[in-house]
Amino acid sequence: MRLHMTGKPYLVGIVGGRASGKTSFLRDLVARLPARSCSVVSQDNYYRAIDEQHLDAAGFHNFDLPTAIHRDRFYDDLDKLLHGEAITQTEYTFNQRDRQGALITIEPAEVLLVEGLFAFHYEEIRALLDLRVFVDAREDLCKARRLKRDANERGYPPEATAYQWEHHVLPAYRQFVLPYRDEAHVIVTNHAGYEKALEVVTDHLQNVIVRA
């Protein structure tokens, strides 16, 4: 389906390290914006299948490399949305083979919110963004949050999460994510909370929606 829009959607990229709080920030941002004024595209839904993922020297799959994502499909879907065309994708289930991902339809909107690790690293996607938001948190806090989340929400043993953190997550963050922090238009410091930054970004996007 193609939606007639009077102007180009406003594209916002929200990037940060694992467990930095970018997904929570995105959720709270959407809740503050008018209904149907924005649509969300998550990089997670573009992960390649597990048998396409890189194996590290110890034989473990590394999901924290830019090559882990269907980069072309990610870009093509954003391009369709920017041209007023809806897209359909399958929800990523974190390789839980016993759970079928839901089919998701994303409609064009005045504001498109794109969340993911590599949205700034992929230069063709970075060039599309009207606003770049970087959610920043100390590495020790992110590690503690990741250990808690993986145990509570995904049932991962702590030793597996710790291995991924040291060998996959942290090296990838420092190489492919952190270098783009200083190129962001807004840096959201999330050591203890992001309420003030949330207000700033919300006010900005509400003005964008009013002008659309």
Protein backbone atom coordinates (compact mmCIF):
# COMPACT_ATOMS: atom_id res chain seq x y z
CA MET A 1 0.00 0.00 0.00
CA ARG A 2 1.23 3.48 -0.80
CA LEU A 3 0.22 6.41 1.38
CA HIS A 4 -0.05 9.90 -0.07
CA MET A 5 2.02 12.28 2.02
CA THR A 6 2.50 16.00 1.51
CA GLY A 7 6.18 15.90 2.47
CA LYS A 8 9.08 13.57 3.15
CA PRO A 9 8.88 11.77 6.51
CA TYR A 10 11.29 12.95 9.19
CA LEU A 11 13.74 10.14 9.86
CA VAL A 12 15.27 9.76 13.34
CA GLY A 13 18.04 7.30 14.15
CA ILE A 14 18.39 6.08 17.74
CA VAL A 15 21.69 4.32 18.39
CA GLY A 16 23.53 3.12 21.50
CA GLY A 17 25.37 0.16 22.87
CA ARG A 18 23.76 -3.03 24.11
CA ALA A 19 21.67 -2.36 27.24
CA SER A 20 22.30 1.38 27.03
CA GLY A 21 18.55 1.99 27.20
CA LYS A 22 17.87 2.91 23.58
CA THR A 23 14.85 0.61 23.30
CA SER A 24 13.35 2.00 26.52
CA PHE A 25 14.03 5.53 25.33
CA LEU A 26 12.30 4.74 22.04
CA ARG A 27 9.29 3.21 23.80
CA ASP A 28 8.87 6.24 26.05
CA LEU A 29 9.32 8.60 23.11
CA VAL A 30 6.58 6.88 21.09
CA ALA A 31 4.25 7.03 24.10
CA ARG A 32 4.62 10.82 24.23
CA LEU A 33 3.94 11.44 20.54
CA PRO A 34 0.47 11.72 18.98
CA ALA A 35 -1.12 8.43 17.94
CA ARG A 36 -0.29 7.37 14.37
CA SER A 37 2.19 10.24 13.97
CA CYS A 38 5.22 7.95 14.00
CA SER A 39 6.31 4.48 12.94
CA VAL A 40 9.18 2.41 14.31
CA VAL A 41 11.71 0.33 12.41
CA SER A 42 13.96 -1.94 14.49
CA GLN A 43 17.28 -3.16 13.16
CA ASP A 44 16.74 -6.38 15.13
CA ASN A 45 14.19 -7.54 12.58
CA TYR A 46 16.90 -7.64 9.91
CA TYR A 47 19.18 -10.19 11.57
CA ARG A 48 20.38 -12.97 9.32
CA ALA A 49 19.59 -16.57 10.25
CA ILE A 50 21.89 -18.20 12.77
CA ASP A 51 23.57 -20.38 10.15
CA GLU A 52 24.62 -17.20 8.30
CA GLN A 53 26.30 -15.65 11.33
CA HIS A 54 30.06 -15.37 11.80
CA LEU A 55 31.71 -17.94 14.08
CA ASP A 56 34.44 -16.69 16.41
CA ALA A 57 37.66 -18.56 17.14
CA ALA A 58 35.93 -20.57 19.86
CA GLY A 59 33.08 -21.58 17.55
CA PHE A 60 30.42 -19.23 18.96
CA HIS A 61 28.11 -17.19 16.75
CA ASN A 62 28.82 -13.46 16.83
CA PHE A 63 25.67 -11.36 16.39
CA ASP A 64 27.46 -8.07 17.10
CA LEU A 65 29.06 -7.47 13.72
CA PRO A 66 27.63 -5.23 10.98
CA THR A 67 27.57 -8.30 8.71
CA ALA A 68 25.00 -9.92 11.04
CA ILE A 69 22.29 -7.73 9.50
CA HIS A 70 20.57 -7.83 6.09
CA ARG A 71 21.95 -4.37 5.37
CA ASP A 72 20.47 -3.98 1.89
CA ARG A 73 17.00 -5.03 3.04
CA PHE A 74 17.23 -2.61 5.97
CA TYR A 75 18.04 0.27 3.62
CA ASP A 76 15.47 -0.72 1.00
CA ASP A 77 12.65 -0.81 3.57
CA LEU A 78 13.57 2.64 4.88
CA ASP A 79 13.61 3.93 1.33
CA LYS A 80 10.12 2.52 0.72
CA LEU A 81 8.77 4.15 3.87
CA LEU A 82 10.34 7.47 2.91
CA HIS A 83 8.49 7.24 -0.40
CA GLY A 84 5.13 6.55 1.28
CA GLU A 85 5.04 2.78 0.87
CA ALA A 86 4.20 0.38 3.71
CA ILE A 87 6.55 -2.53 4.44
CA THR A 88 6.06 -6.00 5.89
CA GLN A 89 8.64 -7.91 7.92
CA THR A 90 8.93 -10.81 10.35
CA GLU A 91 9.63 -10.14 14.02
CA TYR A 92 13.07 -11.32 15.13
CA THR A 93 12.85 -13.95 17.88
CA PHE A 94 16.51 -13.95 18.97
CA ASN A 95 16.95 -17.32 17.28
CA GLN A 96 14.41 -19.03 19.49
CA ARG A 97 13.70 -21.83 17.04
CA ASP A 98 10.54 -22.91 18.86
CA ARG A 99 8.86 -19.51 18.43
CA GLN A 100 7.60 -18.17 15.12
CA GLY A 101 8.09 -14.44 14.70
CA ALA A 102 4.95 -12.39 14.12
CA LEU A 103 4.36 -10.71 10.78
CA ILE A 104 4.69 -6.93 11.17
CA THR A 105 3.33 -4.26 8.84
CA ILE A 106 4.85 -0.81 9.21
CA GLU A 107 3.02 2.14 7.72
CA PRO A 108 4.59 5.42 6.60
CA ALA A 109 4.18 8.31 9.03
CA GLU A 110 5.29 11.90 9.55
CA VAL A 111 8.11 10.66 11.80
CA LEU A 112 10.01 7.41 11.26
CA LEU A 113 12.04 6.18 14.25
CA VAL A 114 14.88 3.79 13.45
CA GLU A 115 16.54 1.95 16.33
CA GLY A 116 19.61 -0.25 16.18
CA LEU A 117 23.33 -0.68 16.77
CA PHE A 118 24.54 0.06 13.27
CA ALA A 119 22.18 2.76 11.98
CA PHE A 120 25.03 5.29 12.06
CA HIS A 121 27.73 2.87 10.92
CA TYR A 122 25.91 2.05 7.68
CA GLU A 123 26.76 5.19 5.75
CA GLU A 124 23.87 4.89 3.30
CA ILE A 125 21.41 4.79 6.22
CA ARG A 126 23.22 7.49 8.18
CA ALA A 127 22.88 9.77 5.15
CA LEU A 128 19.08 9.39 5.26
CA LEU A 129 18.73 10.51 8.87
CA ASP A 130 17.37 13.95 9.71
CA LEU A 131 18.17 13.54 13.42
CA ARG A 132 20.79 11.33 15.04
CA VAL A 133 20.23 10.43 18.71
CA PHE A 134 22.92 8.54 20.64
CA VAL A 135 21.94 6.89 23.93
CA ASP A 136 25.05 6.73 26.09
CA ALA A 137 25.71 4.80 29.31
CA ARG A 138 28.83 3.62 31.12
CA GLU A 139 30.12 0.24 30.00
CA ASP A 140 29.94 -1.26 33.50
CA LEU A 141 26.27 -0.28 33.80
CA CYS A 142 25.47 -1.72 30.39
CA LYS A 143 27.14 -4.99 31.29
CA ALA A 144 25.15 -5.29 34.53
CA ARG A 145 21.90 -4.49 32.71
CA ARG A 146 22.70 -7.01 29.97
CA LEU A 147 23.42 -9.80 32.47
CA LYS A 148 20.13 -9.13 34.27
CA ARG A 149 18.06 -8.86 31.09
CA ASP A 150 19.48 -11.97 29.44
CA ALA A 151 18.85 -14.03 32.56
CA ASN A 152 15.34 -12.74 33.23
CA GLU A 153 13.95 -12.28 29.72
CA ARG A 154 15.84 -14.74 27.54
CA GLY A 155 16.93 -17.45 29.94
CA TYR A 156 20.61 -17.19 28.99
CA PRO A 157 23.13 -18.52 31.57
CA PRO A 158 25.31 -15.72 33.01
CA GLU A 159 28.54 -17.29 31.79
CA ALA A 160 27.28 -17.22 28.19
CA THR A 161 26.26 -13.57 28.49
CA ALA A 162 29.62 -12.67 30.08
CA TYR A 163 31.49 -14.41 27.25
CA GLN A 164 29.46 -12.58 24.61
CA TRP A 165 30.02 -9.28 26.39
CA GLU A 166 33.80 -9.57 26.54
CA HIS A 167 34.39 -11.17 23.15
CA HIS A 168 31.58 -9.82 20.95
CA VAL A 169 29.55 -6.98 22.46
CA LEU A 170 32.25 -4.71 23.86
CA PRO A 171 34.71 -4.95 20.95
CA ALA A 172 31.91 -4.30 18.43
CA TYR A 173 30.58 -1.36 20.46
CA ARG A 174 34.00 0.27 20.57
CA GLN A 175 34.63 -0.27 16.86
CA PHE A 176 31.24 0.19 15.19
CA VAL A 177 29.07 2.23 17.57
CA LEU A 178 31.05 4.47 19.91
CA PRO A 179 33.00 6.28 17.14
CA TYR A 180 29.72 7.87 15.96
CA ARG A 181 28.72 9.29 19.35
CA ASP A 182 30.29 12.68 18.70
CA GLU A 183 28.53 12.91 15.32
CA ALA A 184 25.10 12.66 16.95
CA HIS A 185 22.85 15.71 17.10
CA VAL A 186 21.62 14.67 20.56
CA ILE A 187 23.53 12.62 23.14
CA VAL A 188 21.25 11.08 25.76
CA THR A 189 23.22 10.31 28.93
CA ASN A 190 21.51 7.34 30.56
CA HIS A 191 23.51 6.47 33.66
CA ALA A 192 20.55 6.99 35.97
CA GLY A 193 17.74 8.24 33.72
CA TYR A 194 16.99 10.17 30.54
CA GLU A 195 13.90 12.22 31.39
CA LYS A 196 15.30 15.64 30.44
CA ALA A 197 16.67 14.40 27.14
CA LEU A 198 13.36 12.69 26.45
CA GLU A 199 11.57 16.00 26.94
CA VAL A 200 13.93 17.75 24.51
CA VAL A 201 13.56 15.15 21.76
CA THR A 202 9.79 14.91 22.30
CA ASP A 203 9.35 18.68 22.00
CA HIS A 204 11.42 18.73 18.82
CA LEU A 205 9.43 15.94 17.18
CA GLN A 206 6.10 17.42 18.21
CA ASN A 207 7.13 20.60 16.37
CA VAL A 208 8.12 18.52 13.34
CA ILE A 209 4.70 16.81 13.37
CA VAL A 210 2.85 20.13 13.64
CA ARG A 211 4.72 21.46 10.60
CA ALA A 212 4.18 18.29 8.55
